[in-house]
Amino acid sequence: MKIIYLNQKIASFKENWDSQFYTLVIILFITKLIYTYMVSDVIAMKLGVGGFDKSFAQMDQLSIVSALLIAPVVEELLFRFHLSGKRSHAYFFLISLAALYLIFFEYWFIYLFTAAVFIACLMWESKKTPDNPLLSRPFYLIIFVMTAIIFSALHFVNVEAENKLLALFMVIFALTPSALFFGYVRYKKGLKYSMIIHSLSNLAILSLNGLIYH
């Protein structure tokens, strides 16, 4: 019976294996690392923006556990749960706006306006196509990109620069490609896979930072 069960599991794994998707993920992962070390980090250094060189050597055990396990799970739930494409999940985009408010609270009126427009568009879509549980493609893409930018902007607290506007621009410039990548994986395969990729990305960055910068 155990052999039969194992054969069934292997057959199911082979059936669900998407070689084209995983090949693309590997290519995108490597491209993301090249972008980080040959583009965004180089520009950040030239502009005097710090905070992109953190490695395991500078972290305590709790910080390492957080970076590799806790942060990927929490951040994917908060910032990419709503990227399923389902209209019922889209309302959780408001959590991303609320998180942004906690960092840049002085611009509360922008978040309030954005939330109002978002809810109005969502209600309009629901009324226009009540039998379709999915978001329209244009609306989904807008939410997708905005989520990536918000996710990146929230890492502003980790960046070191005298000019705060420059620091904000740099963190968005540096992290948005990664955020788009995680969002793509989440949309295609689900949160579990985006959490794994997010964790592997943190592992790769912290390891390479130790080799390159320290």
N, C-alpha and C. Protein backbone atom coordinates (compact mmCIF):
# COMPACT_ATOMS: atom_id res chain seq x y z
N MET A 1 0.82 -1.21 0.00
CA MET A 1 0.00 0.00 0.00
C MET A 1 0.86 1.27 0.00
N LYS A 2 1.97 1.24 0.77
CA LYS A 2 2.84 2.41 0.84
C LYS A 2 3.48 2.69 -0.52
N ILE A 3 3.83 1.61 -1.24
CA ILE A 3 4.44 1.77 -2.56
C ILE A 3 3.44 2.38 -3.53
N ILE A 4 2.20 1.91 -3.47
CA ILE A 4 1.14 2.45 -4.33
C ILE A 4 0.92 3.92 -4.03
N TYR A 5 0.86 4.27 -2.74
CA TYR A 5 0.66 5.66 -2.33
C TYR A 5 1.80 6.55 -2.82
N LEU A 6 3.04 6.02 -2.67
CA LEU A 6 4.21 6.79 -3.11
C LEU A 6 4.19 6.99 -4.63
N ASN A 7 3.81 5.96 -5.37
CA ASN A 7 3.72 6.07 -6.83
C ASN A 7 2.67 7.09 -7.24
N GLN A 8 1.57 7.12 -6.49
CA GLN A 8 0.51 8.10 -6.78
C GLN A 8 1.01 9.52 -6.54
N LYS A 9 1.78 9.69 -5.47
CA LYS A 9 2.33 11.01 -5.16
C LYS A 9 3.31 11.46 -6.24
N ILE A 10 4.15 10.54 -6.69
CA ILE A 10 5.12 10.85 -7.74
C ILE A 10 4.41 11.20 -9.04
N ALA A 11 3.38 10.42 -9.37
CA ALA A 11 2.60 10.68 -10.59
C ALA A 11 1.91 12.03 -10.52
N SER A 12 1.37 12.36 -9.34
CA SER A 12 0.70 13.66 -9.15
C SER A 12 1.70 14.80 -9.28
N PHE A 13 2.90 14.62 -8.72
CA PHE A 13 3.95 15.63 -8.80
C PHE A 13 4.35 15.88 -10.25
N LYS A 14 4.54 14.82 -11.01
CA LYS A 14 4.91 14.95 -12.41
C LYS A 14 3.82 15.63 -13.22
N GLU A 15 2.58 15.30 -12.88
CA GLU A 15 1.44 15.88 -13.61
C GLU A 15 1.33 17.38 -13.37
N ASN A 16 1.64 17.80 -12.13
CA ASN A 16 1.50 19.21 -11.77
C ASN A 16 2.77 20.02 -12.01
N TRP A 17 3.86 19.35 -12.39
CA TRP A 17 5.12 20.05 -12.60
C TRP A 17 5.05 20.90 -13.87
N ASP A 18 5.28 22.17 -13.69
CA ASP A 18 5.23 23.12 -14.80
C ASP A 18 6.66 23.57 -15.09
N SER A 19 7.35 22.83 -15.95
CA SER A 19 8.77 23.11 -16.21
C SER A 19 8.98 24.49 -16.82
N GLN A 20 8.06 24.91 -17.68
CA GLN A 20 8.20 26.22 -18.32
C GLN A 20 8.13 27.34 -17.28
N PHE A 21 7.19 27.21 -16.34
CA PHE A 21 7.04 28.23 -15.31
C PHE A 21 8.27 28.29 -14.41
N TYR A 22 8.75 27.13 -13.95
CA TYR A 22 9.88 27.11 -13.02
C TYR A 22 11.16 27.56 -13.71
N THR A 23 11.29 27.28 -14.99
CA THR A 23 12.45 27.79 -15.73
C THR A 23 12.41 29.31 -15.78
N LEU A 24 11.21 29.86 -16.02
CA LEU A 24 11.04 31.31 -16.05
C LEU A 24 11.34 31.92 -14.68
N VAL A 25 10.90 31.26 -13.62
CA VAL A 25 11.15 31.76 -12.27
C VAL A 25 12.65 31.81 -11.98
N ILE A 26 13.38 30.79 -12.38
CA ILE A 26 14.83 30.77 -12.17
C ILE A 26 15.50 31.91 -12.94
N ILE A 27 15.08 32.11 -14.18
CA ILE A 27 15.63 33.19 -15.01
C ILE A 27 15.34 34.55 -14.38
N LEU A 28 14.10 34.74 -13.91
CA LEU A 28 13.71 36.01 -13.29
C LEU A 28 14.46 36.22 -11.98
N PHE A 29 14.66 35.14 -11.23
CA PHE A 29 15.38 35.24 -9.96
C PHE A 29 16.82 35.69 -10.20
N ILE A 30 17.47 35.10 -11.16
CA ILE A 30 18.86 35.47 -11.49
C ILE A 30 18.91 36.90 -12.03
N THR A 31 17.94 37.25 -12.87
CA THR A 31 17.87 38.61 -13.42
C THR A 31 17.69 39.63 -12.31
N LYS A 32 16.87 39.29 -11.32
CA LYS A 32 16.64 40.18 -10.19
C LYS A 32 17.93 40.42 -9.41
N LEU A 33 18.71 39.38 -9.22
CA LEU A 33 19.99 39.52 -8.51
C LEU A 33 20.98 40.36 -9.30
N ILE A 34 21.02 40.16 -10.61
CA ILE A 34 21.90 40.96 -11.47
C ILE A 34 21.49 42.43 -11.41
N TYR A 35 20.19 42.69 -11.46
CA TYR A 35 19.68 44.07 -11.36
C TYR A 35 20.09 44.69 -10.03
N THR A 36 19.98 43.90 -8.96
CA THR A 36 20.31 44.41 -7.62
C THR A 36 21.77 44.83 -7.52
N TYR A 37 22.67 43.96 -7.95
CA TYR A 37 24.10 44.21 -7.72
C TYR A 37 24.79 45.00 -8.83
N MET A 38 24.21 45.03 -10.01
CA MET A 38 24.86 45.74 -11.12
C MET A 38 24.15 47.04 -11.49
N VAL A 39 22.95 47.25 -10.95
CA VAL A 39 22.21 48.47 -11.28
C VAL A 39 21.84 49.25 -10.02
N SER A 40 20.89 48.74 -9.25
CA SER A 40 20.36 49.53 -8.13
C SER A 40 21.40 49.79 -7.04
N ASP A 41 22.18 48.78 -6.66
CA ASP A 41 23.19 49.00 -5.62
C ASP A 41 24.28 49.96 -6.07
N VAL A 42 24.67 49.88 -7.33
CA VAL A 42 25.69 50.77 -7.88
C VAL A 42 25.20 52.22 -7.85
N ILE A 43 23.96 52.43 -8.26
CA ILE A 43 23.39 53.78 -8.26
C ILE A 43 23.25 54.30 -6.84
N ALA A 44 22.80 53.42 -5.92
CA ALA A 44 22.64 53.83 -4.53
C ALA A 44 23.97 54.29 -3.93
N MET A 45 25.02 53.57 -4.22
CA MET A 45 26.34 53.94 -3.70
C MET A 45 26.82 55.27 -4.26
N LYS A 46 26.58 55.47 -5.54
CA LYS A 46 26.99 56.73 -6.18
C LYS A 46 26.23 57.93 -5.61
N LEU A 47 24.98 57.67 -5.22
CA LEU A 47 24.14 58.74 -4.67
C LEU A 47 24.29 58.88 -3.16
N GLY A 48 25.08 58.02 -2.56
CA GLY A 48 25.29 58.09 -1.12
C GLY A 48 24.15 57.56 -0.29
N VAL A 49 23.39 56.65 -0.85
CA VAL A 49 22.26 56.04 -0.13
C VAL A 49 22.71 54.70 0.42
N GLY A 50 22.63 54.52 1.73
CA GLY A 50 23.08 53.29 2.37
C GLY A 50 21.92 52.42 2.83
N GLY A 51 22.27 51.25 3.38
CA GLY A 51 21.25 50.36 3.91
C GLY A 51 20.96 49.16 3.05
N PHE A 52 21.62 49.08 1.88
CA PHE A 52 21.37 47.96 0.97
C PHE A 52 22.42 46.86 1.10
N ASP A 53 23.33 47.00 2.08
CA ASP A 53 24.44 46.05 2.19
C ASP A 53 24.36 45.17 3.44
N LYS A 54 23.19 45.09 4.05
CA LYS A 54 23.05 44.29 5.26
C LYS A 54 23.30 42.81 4.97
N SER A 55 24.02 42.15 5.88
CA SER A 55 24.34 40.73 5.72
C SER A 55 24.09 40.00 7.03
N PHE A 56 24.25 38.68 6.99
CA PHE A 56 24.03 37.87 8.18
C PHE A 56 24.96 38.28 9.32
N ALA A 57 26.17 38.72 8.99
CA ALA A 57 27.16 39.09 9.99
C ALA A 57 26.70 40.24 10.87
N GLN A 58 25.80 41.06 10.36
CA GLN A 58 25.32 42.23 11.10
C GLN A 58 24.01 41.96 11.84
N MET A 59 23.53 40.73 11.79
CA MET A 59 22.21 40.41 12.33
C MET A 59 22.31 39.42 13.49
N ASP A 60 21.40 39.58 14.48
CA ASP A 60 21.32 38.59 15.55
C ASP A 60 20.41 37.44 15.09
N GLN A 61 20.30 36.42 15.90
CA GLN A 61 19.54 35.22 15.52
C GLN A 61 18.08 35.53 15.24
N LEU A 62 17.48 36.40 16.07
CA LEU A 62 16.07 36.74 15.88
C LEU A 62 15.85 37.45 14.55
N SER A 63 16.77 38.35 14.20
CA SER A 63 16.67 39.08 12.93
C SER A 63 16.80 38.14 11.74
N ILE A 64 17.66 37.14 11.87
CA ILE A 64 17.84 36.17 10.78
C ILE A 64 16.58 35.34 10.60
N VAL A 65 16.02 34.87 11.72
CA VAL A 65 14.77 34.09 11.66
C VAL A 65 13.66 34.94 11.06
N SER A 66 13.61 36.19 11.44
CA SER A 66 12.60 37.10 10.91
C SER A 66 12.75 37.29 9.41
N ALA A 67 13.99 37.51 8.95
CA ALA A 67 14.23 37.75 7.52
C ALA A 67 13.92 36.54 6.66
N LEU A 68 14.20 35.35 7.18
CA LEU A 68 14.06 34.14 6.37
C LEU A 68 12.71 33.45 6.52
N LEU A 69 12.06 33.63 7.67
CA LEU A 69 10.81 32.90 7.92
C LEU A 69 9.61 33.81 8.19
N ILE A 70 9.77 34.71 9.15
CA ILE A 70 8.62 35.51 9.57
C ILE A 70 8.23 36.56 8.54
N ALA A 71 9.20 37.37 8.11
CA ALA A 71 8.91 38.45 7.15
C ALA A 71 8.31 37.94 5.84
N PRO A 72 8.86 36.90 5.22
CA PRO A 72 8.25 36.43 3.97
C PRO A 72 6.79 36.01 4.12
N VAL A 73 6.47 35.36 5.22
CA VAL A 73 5.09 34.92 5.45
C VAL A 73 4.18 36.12 5.70
N VAL A 74 4.57 36.98 6.64
CA VAL A 74 3.74 38.12 7.01
C VAL A 74 3.57 39.10 5.84
N GLU A 75 4.68 39.40 5.16
CA GLU A 75 4.62 40.38 4.06
C GLU A 75 3.81 39.85 2.88
N GLU A 76 3.93 38.56 2.59
CA GLU A 76 3.13 38.01 1.49
C GLU A 76 1.65 38.02 1.83
N LEU A 77 1.32 37.73 3.07
CA LEU A 77 -0.08 37.77 3.49
C LEU A 77 -0.65 39.19 3.42
N LEU A 78 0.15 40.15 3.89
CA LEU A 78 -0.32 41.53 3.94
C LEU A 78 -0.37 42.20 2.57
N PHE A 79 0.62 41.91 1.74
CA PHE A 79 0.76 42.67 0.50
C PHE A 79 0.44 41.90 -0.78
N ARG A 80 0.24 40.59 -0.67
CA ARG A 80 -0.06 39.86 -1.90
C ARG A 80 -1.21 38.87 -1.79
N PHE A 81 -1.85 38.82 -0.65
CA PHE A 81 -3.05 37.98 -0.53
C PHE A 81 -4.11 38.41 -1.54
N HIS A 82 -4.27 39.73 -1.69
CA HIS A 82 -5.32 40.26 -2.56
C HIS A 82 -5.00 40.16 -4.05
N LEU A 83 -3.82 39.65 -4.40
CA LEU A 83 -3.43 39.57 -5.81
C LEU A 83 -3.84 38.24 -6.46
N SER A 84 -4.84 37.61 -5.91
CA SER A 84 -5.35 36.35 -6.49
C SER A 84 -6.10 36.60 -7.79
N GLY A 85 -6.55 37.84 -7.97
CA GLY A 85 -7.37 38.16 -9.15
C GLY A 85 -8.85 38.13 -8.84
N LYS A 86 -9.20 37.62 -7.65
CA LYS A 86 -10.61 37.54 -7.26
C LYS A 86 -11.08 38.88 -6.68
N ARG A 87 -12.27 39.25 -7.06
CA ARG A 87 -12.82 40.53 -6.60
C ARG A 87 -13.03 40.54 -5.09
N SER A 88 -13.42 39.41 -4.54
CA SER A 88 -13.67 39.33 -3.10
C SER A 88 -12.40 39.53 -2.28
N HIS A 89 -11.24 39.22 -2.87
CA HIS A 89 -9.96 39.39 -2.18
C HIS A 89 -9.41 40.80 -2.34
N ALA A 90 -9.88 41.52 -3.35
CA ALA A 90 -9.28 42.80 -3.71
C ALA A 90 -9.38 43.83 -2.59
N TYR A 91 -10.41 43.72 -1.75
CA TYR A 91 -10.59 44.71 -0.68
C TYR A 91 -9.40 44.71 0.28
N PHE A 92 -8.66 43.63 0.34
CA PHE A 92 -7.51 43.57 1.24
C PHE A 92 -6.38 44.47 0.77
N PHE A 93 -6.51 45.04 -0.43
CA PHE A 93 -5.54 46.04 -0.89
C PHE A 93 -5.52 47.24 0.06
N LEU A 94 -6.64 47.47 0.73
CA LEU A 94 -6.72 48.59 1.67
C LEU A 94 -5.75 48.41 2.83
N ILE A 95 -5.39 47.18 3.15
CA ILE A 95 -4.40 46.93 4.21
C ILE A 95 -3.05 47.51 3.80
N SER A 96 -2.71 47.39 2.51
CA SER A 96 -1.45 47.96 2.02
C SER A 96 -1.44 49.47 2.19
N LEU A 97 -2.56 50.10 1.88
CA LEU A 97 -2.66 51.55 2.06
C LEU A 97 -2.55 51.94 3.52
N ALA A 98 -3.17 51.14 4.39
CA ALA A 98 -3.11 51.42 5.82
C ALA A 98 -1.69 51.30 6.33
N ALA A 99 -0.95 50.31 5.84
CA ALA A 99 0.45 50.13 6.24
C ALA A 99 1.29 51.32 5.80
N LEU A 100 1.02 51.83 4.60
CA LEU A 100 1.75 52.99 4.09
C LEU A 100 1.47 54.22 4.96
N TYR A 101 0.25 54.33 5.43
CA TYR A 101 -0.14 55.45 6.30
C TYR A 101 0.69 55.46 7.58
N LEU A 102 1.01 54.28 8.10
CA LEU A 102 1.77 54.19 9.35
C LEU A 102 3.17 54.76 9.21
N ILE A 103 3.72 54.72 7.98
CA ILE A 103 5.07 55.24 7.74
C ILE A 103 5.03 56.70 7.30
N PHE A 104 4.10 57.02 6.42
CA PHE A 104 3.99 58.39 5.88
C PHE A 104 2.63 58.96 6.23
N PHE A 105 2.36 59.08 7.52
CA PHE A 105 1.03 59.48 7.99
C PHE A 105 0.65 60.91 7.61
N GLU A 106 1.65 61.74 7.31
CA GLU A 106 1.34 63.15 6.98
C GLU A 106 0.60 63.29 5.65
N TYR A 107 0.61 62.22 4.86
CA TYR A 107 -0.09 62.26 3.57
C TYR A 107 -1.40 61.46 3.63
N TRP A 108 -2.05 61.50 4.78
CA TRP A 108 -3.26 60.71 5.00
C TRP A 108 -4.35 61.01 3.98
N PHE A 109 -4.43 62.27 3.52
CA PHE A 109 -5.49 62.65 2.58
C PHE A 109 -5.32 61.95 1.23
N ILE A 110 -4.07 61.65 0.85
CA ILE A 110 -3.83 60.92 -0.40
C ILE A 110 -4.32 59.49 -0.27
N TYR A 111 -4.04 58.86 0.88
CA TYR A 111 -4.48 57.49 1.09
C TYR A 111 -6.01 57.41 1.13
N LEU A 112 -6.62 58.41 1.78
CA LEU A 112 -8.08 58.42 1.88
C LEU A 112 -8.71 58.56 0.50
N PHE A 113 -8.15 59.45 -0.31
CA PHE A 113 -8.65 59.64 -1.67
C PHE A 113 -8.45 58.37 -2.50
N THR A 114 -7.26 57.77 -2.39
CA THR A 114 -6.96 56.54 -3.14
C THR A 114 -7.91 55.41 -2.73
N ALA A 115 -8.17 55.29 -1.43
CA ALA A 115 -9.07 54.25 -0.93
C ALA A 115 -10.49 54.47 -1.45
N ALA A 116 -10.93 55.73 -1.47
CA ALA A 116 -12.28 56.05 -1.96
C ALA A 116 -12.42 55.71 -3.44
N VAL A 117 -11.40 56.07 -4.24
CA VAL A 117 -11.43 55.77 -5.68
C VAL A 117 -11.40 54.26 -5.90
N PHE A 118 -10.57 53.57 -5.12
CA PHE A 118 -10.46 52.12 -5.25
C PHE A 118 -11.80 51.43 -4.96
N ILE A 119 -12.43 51.81 -3.86
CA ILE A 119 -13.71 51.20 -3.48
C ILE A 119 -14.78 51.52 -4.52
N ALA A 120 -14.79 52.75 -5.03
CA ALA A 120 -15.76 53.14 -6.05
C ALA A 120 -15.58 52.31 -7.32
N CYS A 121 -14.34 52.12 -7.75
CA CYS A 121 -14.06 51.31 -8.95
C CYS A 121 -14.45 49.85 -8.74
N LEU A 122 -14.19 49.35 -7.54
CA LEU A 122 -14.53 47.96 -7.24
C LEU A 122 -16.04 47.76 -7.24
N MET A 123 -16.75 48.70 -6.69
CA MET A 123 -18.22 48.62 -6.66
C MET A 123 -18.79 48.76 -8.07
N TRP A 124 -18.17 49.61 -8.88
CA TRP A 124 -18.63 49.79 -10.26
C TRP A 124 -18.44 48.51 -11.06
N GLU A 125 -17.27 47.86 -10.87
CA GLU A 125 -17.03 46.60 -11.56
C GLU A 125 -18.01 45.52 -11.11
N SER A 126 -18.30 45.49 -9.81
CA SER A 126 -19.23 44.49 -9.28
C SER A 126 -20.63 44.69 -9.86
N LYS A 127 -21.00 45.95 -10.05
CA LYS A 127 -22.32 46.24 -10.61
C LYS A 127 -22.36 45.96 -12.11
N LYS A 128 -21.25 46.23 -12.79
CA LYS A 128 -21.19 46.04 -14.24
C LYS A 128 -21.19 44.56 -14.62
N THR A 129 -20.41 43.77 -13.89
CA THR A 129 -20.33 42.33 -14.18
C THR A 129 -20.53 41.53 -12.90
N PRO A 130 -21.77 41.48 -12.41
CA PRO A 130 -22.04 40.83 -11.11
C PRO A 130 -21.78 39.33 -11.10
N ASP A 131 -21.83 38.70 -12.27
CA ASP A 131 -21.64 37.24 -12.33
C ASP A 131 -20.18 36.83 -12.49
N ASN A 132 -19.30 37.82 -12.68
CA ASN A 132 -17.88 37.52 -12.85
C ASN A 132 -17.15 37.76 -11.53
N PRO A 133 -16.60 36.71 -10.91
CA PRO A 133 -15.92 36.88 -9.61
C PRO A 133 -14.53 37.49 -9.72
N LEU A 134 -14.03 37.67 -10.96
CA LEU A 134 -12.67 38.14 -11.16
C LEU A 134 -12.63 39.63 -11.49
N LEU A 135 -11.53 40.26 -11.14
CA LEU A 135 -11.31 41.65 -11.50
C LEU A 135 -11.04 41.76 -13.00
N SER A 136 -11.36 42.91 -13.57
CA SER A 136 -11.00 43.13 -14.96
C SER A 136 -9.48 43.23 -15.05
N ARG A 137 -8.92 42.91 -16.20
CA ARG A 137 -7.46 42.90 -16.35
C ARG A 137 -6.83 44.28 -16.09
N PRO A 138 -7.38 45.38 -16.65
CA PRO A 138 -6.77 46.69 -16.39
C PRO A 138 -6.76 47.06 -14.90
N PHE A 139 -7.88 46.80 -14.23
CA PHE A 139 -7.98 47.14 -12.81
C PHE A 139 -7.01 46.29 -11.98
N TYR A 140 -6.91 45.02 -12.33
CA TYR A 140 -5.99 44.13 -11.62
C TYR A 140 -4.54 44.59 -11.80
N LEU A 141 -4.17 44.97 -13.00
CA LEU A 141 -2.80 45.41 -13.27
C LEU A 141 -2.46 46.68 -12.50
N ILE A 142 -3.44 47.58 -12.37
CA ILE A 142 -3.23 48.80 -11.59
C ILE A 142 -2.96 48.45 -10.13
N ILE A 143 -3.78 47.57 -9.57
CA ILE A 143 -3.60 47.14 -8.18
C ILE A 143 -2.26 46.42 -8.02
N PHE A 144 -1.92 45.60 -8.99
CA PHE A 144 -0.68 44.82 -8.97
C PHE A 144 0.53 45.73 -8.88
N VAL A 145 0.58 46.74 -9.74
CA VAL A 145 1.73 47.66 -9.76
C VAL A 145 1.74 48.54 -8.52
N MET A 146 0.59 49.04 -8.12
CA MET A 146 0.52 49.90 -6.92
C MET A 146 0.98 49.14 -5.68
N THR A 147 0.59 47.87 -5.59
CA THR A 147 1.00 47.05 -4.45
C THR A 147 2.52 46.90 -4.41
N ALA A 148 3.12 46.69 -5.57
CA ALA A 148 4.58 46.55 -5.65
C ALA A 148 5.27 47.83 -5.19
N ILE A 149 4.76 48.97 -5.62
CA ILE A 149 5.36 50.25 -5.24
C ILE A 149 5.19 50.51 -3.74
N ILE A 150 4.00 50.22 -3.21
CA ILE A 150 3.75 50.41 -1.78
C ILE A 150 4.66 49.50 -0.95
N PHE A 151 4.75 48.25 -1.36
CA PHE A 151 5.62 47.29 -0.67
C PHE A 151 7.06 47.81 -0.62
N SER A 152 7.53 48.31 -1.74
CA SER A 152 8.90 48.84 -1.81
C SER A 152 9.06 50.07 -0.93
N ALA A 153 8.09 50.98 -0.99
CA ALA A 153 8.17 52.23 -0.23
C ALA A 153 8.23 51.98 1.27
N LEU A 154 7.57 50.92 1.72
CA LEU A 154 7.54 50.63 3.15
C LEU A 154 8.91 50.22 3.69
N HIS A 155 9.83 49.83 2.81
CA HIS A 155 11.19 49.49 3.22
C HIS A 155 12.07 50.74 3.35
N PHE A 156 11.45 51.89 3.20
CA PHE A 156 12.12 53.18 3.35
C PHE A 156 12.83 53.28 4.70
N VAL A 157 12.25 52.65 5.73
CA VAL A 157 12.81 52.74 7.08
C VAL A 157 14.17 52.05 7.18
N ASN A 158 14.49 51.19 6.21
CA ASN A 158 15.77 50.47 6.24
C ASN A 158 16.89 51.19 5.49
N VAL A 159 16.54 52.31 4.84
CA VAL A 159 17.50 53.01 3.99
C VAL A 159 18.09 54.20 4.73
N GLU A 160 19.37 54.44 4.47
CA GLU A 160 20.09 55.53 5.14
C GLU A 160 20.49 56.59 4.12
N ALA A 161 19.95 57.81 4.29
CA ALA A 161 20.30 58.92 3.40
C ALA A 161 19.87 60.22 4.05
N GLU A 162 20.65 61.28 3.81
CA GLU A 162 20.28 62.59 4.36
C GLU A 162 19.04 63.14 3.68
N ASN A 163 18.95 62.92 2.39
CA ASN A 163 17.79 63.38 1.62
C ASN A 163 16.72 62.29 1.64
N LYS A 164 15.62 62.52 2.36
CA LYS A 164 14.58 61.51 2.53
C LYS A 164 13.85 61.20 1.22
N LEU A 165 13.69 62.22 0.38
CA LEU A 165 13.03 62.00 -0.90
C LEU A 165 13.88 61.11 -1.79
N LEU A 166 15.19 61.34 -1.75
CA LEU A 166 16.13 60.50 -2.51
C LEU A 166 16.10 59.06 -1.99
N ALA A 167 16.03 58.91 -0.67
CA ALA A 167 15.97 57.58 -0.07
C ALA A 167 14.71 56.84 -0.50
N LEU A 168 13.59 57.56 -0.53
CA LEU A 168 12.32 56.95 -0.94
C LEU A 168 12.38 56.53 -2.40
N PHE A 169 12.90 57.40 -3.25
CA PHE A 169 13.04 57.06 -4.67
C PHE A 169 13.92 55.85 -4.85
N MET A 170 15.02 55.81 -4.10
CA MET A 170 15.99 54.73 -4.28
C MET A 170 15.43 53.39 -3.84
N VAL A 171 14.69 53.38 -2.75
CA VAL A 171 14.15 52.11 -2.26
C VAL A 171 13.07 51.58 -3.20
N ILE A 172 12.29 52.49 -3.79
CA ILE A 172 11.28 52.08 -4.78
C ILE A 172 11.96 51.56 -6.04
N PHE A 173 13.00 52.28 -6.47
CA PHE A 173 13.76 51.88 -7.66
C PHE A 173 14.42 50.52 -7.47
N ALA A 174 14.92 50.28 -6.26
CA ALA A 174 15.66 49.05 -6.00
C ALA A 174 14.76 47.83 -5.78
N LEU A 175 13.64 48.02 -5.10
CA LEU A 175 12.85 46.87 -4.66
C LEU A 175 11.60 46.57 -5.49
N THR A 176 11.15 47.51 -6.31
CA THR A 176 9.94 47.27 -7.09
C THR A 176 10.06 46.06 -8.03
N PRO A 177 11.20 45.85 -8.71
CA PRO A 177 11.32 44.64 -9.54
C PRO A 177 11.11 43.35 -8.74
N SER A 178 11.67 43.29 -7.53
CA SER A 178 11.48 42.12 -6.67
C SER A 178 10.01 41.97 -6.29
N ALA A 179 9.37 43.09 -5.96
CA ALA A 179 7.96 43.05 -5.57
C ALA A 179 7.07 42.58 -6.72
N LEU A 180 7.39 43.02 -7.93
CA LEU A 180 6.64 42.56 -9.11
C LEU A 180 6.86 41.07 -9.34
N PHE A 181 8.08 40.62 -9.12
CA PHE A 181 8.42 39.21 -9.27
C PHE A 181 7.64 38.34 -8.27
N PHE A 182 7.63 38.75 -7.00
CA PHE A 182 6.88 38.01 -5.98
C PHE A 182 5.39 37.99 -6.32
N GLY A 183 4.89 39.12 -6.82
CA GLY A 183 3.48 39.20 -7.19
C GLY A 183 3.13 38.27 -8.34
N TYR A 184 4.03 38.17 -9.30
CA TYR A 184 3.82 37.26 -10.43
C TYR A 184 3.74 35.81 -9.97
N VAL A 185 4.66 35.42 -9.08
CA VAL A 185 4.66 34.06 -8.56
C VAL A 185 3.39 33.80 -7.77
N ARG A 186 2.98 34.79 -6.98
CA ARG A 186 1.74 34.64 -6.19
C ARG A 186 0.54 34.43 -7.11
N TYR A 187 0.46 35.22 -8.17
CA TYR A 187 -0.69 35.13 -9.08
C TYR A 187 -0.72 33.79 -9.81
N LYS A 188 0.44 33.33 -10.24
CA LYS A 188 0.50 32.10 -11.04
C LYS A 188 0.36 30.84 -10.20
N LYS A 189 0.96 30.82 -8.99
CA LYS A 189 1.01 29.58 -8.22
C LYS A 189 0.43 29.67 -6.81
N GLY A 190 0.23 30.87 -6.31
CA GLY A 190 -0.34 30.99 -4.97
C GLY A 190 0.62 31.54 -3.94
N LEU A 191 0.07 31.85 -2.77
CA LEU A 191 0.85 32.48 -1.70
C LEU A 191 1.99 31.60 -1.20
N LYS A 192 1.75 30.31 -1.11
CA LYS A 192 2.78 29.41 -0.58
C LYS A 192 4.07 29.53 -1.40
N TYR A 193 3.93 29.61 -2.71
CA TYR A 193 5.10 29.69 -3.58
C TYR A 193 5.77 31.06 -3.50
N SER A 194 4.97 32.13 -3.40
CA SER A 194 5.57 33.46 -3.29
C SER A 194 6.30 33.62 -1.95
N MET A 195 5.80 32.96 -0.90
CA MET A 195 6.49 32.98 0.39
C MET A 195 7.85 32.29 0.29
N ILE A 196 7.88 31.16 -0.41
CA ILE A 196 9.13 30.41 -0.57
C ILE A 196 10.14 31.24 -1.37
N ILE A 197 9.68 31.82 -2.49
CA ILE A 197 10.57 32.63 -3.32
C ILE A 197 11.06 33.86 -2.55
N HIS A 198 10.18 34.46 -1.79
CA HIS A 198 10.54 35.63 -0.97
C HIS A 198 11.62 35.26 0.03
N SER A 199 11.46 34.12 0.69
CA SER A 199 12.44 33.67 1.66
C SER A 199 13.78 33.36 0.99
N LEU A 200 13.73 32.68 -0.15
CA LEU A 200 14.97 32.37 -0.87
C LEU A 200 15.66 33.64 -1.36
N SER A 201 14.87 34.63 -1.73
CA SER A 201 15.43 35.91 -2.17
C SER A 201 16.17 36.60 -1.02
N ASN A 202 15.56 36.62 0.16
CA ASN A 202 16.22 37.21 1.33
C ASN A 202 17.50 36.46 1.67
N LEU A 203 17.44 35.13 1.58
CA LEU A 203 18.62 34.31 1.85
C LEU A 203 19.75 34.64 0.87
N ALA A 204 19.41 34.75 -0.42
CA ALA A 204 20.41 35.04 -1.44
C ALA A 204 21.02 36.43 -1.25
N ILE A 205 20.18 37.42 -0.99
CA ILE A 205 20.66 38.80 -0.84
C ILE A 205 21.57 38.93 0.38
N LEU A 206 21.14 38.39 1.52
CA LEU A 206 21.93 38.51 2.74
C LEU A 206 23.25 37.74 2.62
N SER A 207 23.22 36.60 1.93
CA SER A 207 24.44 35.82 1.73
C SER A 207 25.40 36.53 0.79
N LEU A 208 24.90 37.00 -0.33
CA LEU A 208 25.74 37.69 -1.31
C LEU A 208 26.27 39.01 -0.77
N ASN A 209 25.46 39.71 0.02
CA ASN A 209 25.93 40.95 0.65
C ASN A 209 27.16 40.69 1.51
N GLY A 210 27.12 39.55 2.25
CA GLY A 210 28.26 39.20 3.09
C GLY A 210 29.50 38.92 2.29
N LEU A 211 29.34 38.32 1.12
CA LEU A 211 30.48 38.00 0.25
C LEU A 211 31.02 39.22 -0.47
N ILE A 212 30.12 40.11 -0.88
CA ILE A 212 30.50 41.24 -1.73
C ILE A 212 30.93 42.47 -0.92
N TYR A 213 30.20 42.77 0.14
CA TYR A 213 30.39 44.04 0.84
C TYR A 213 31.16 43.93 2.15
N HIS A 214 31.34 42.73 2.67
CA HIS A 214 31.97 42.60 4.00
C HIS A 214 33.14 41.64 3.97
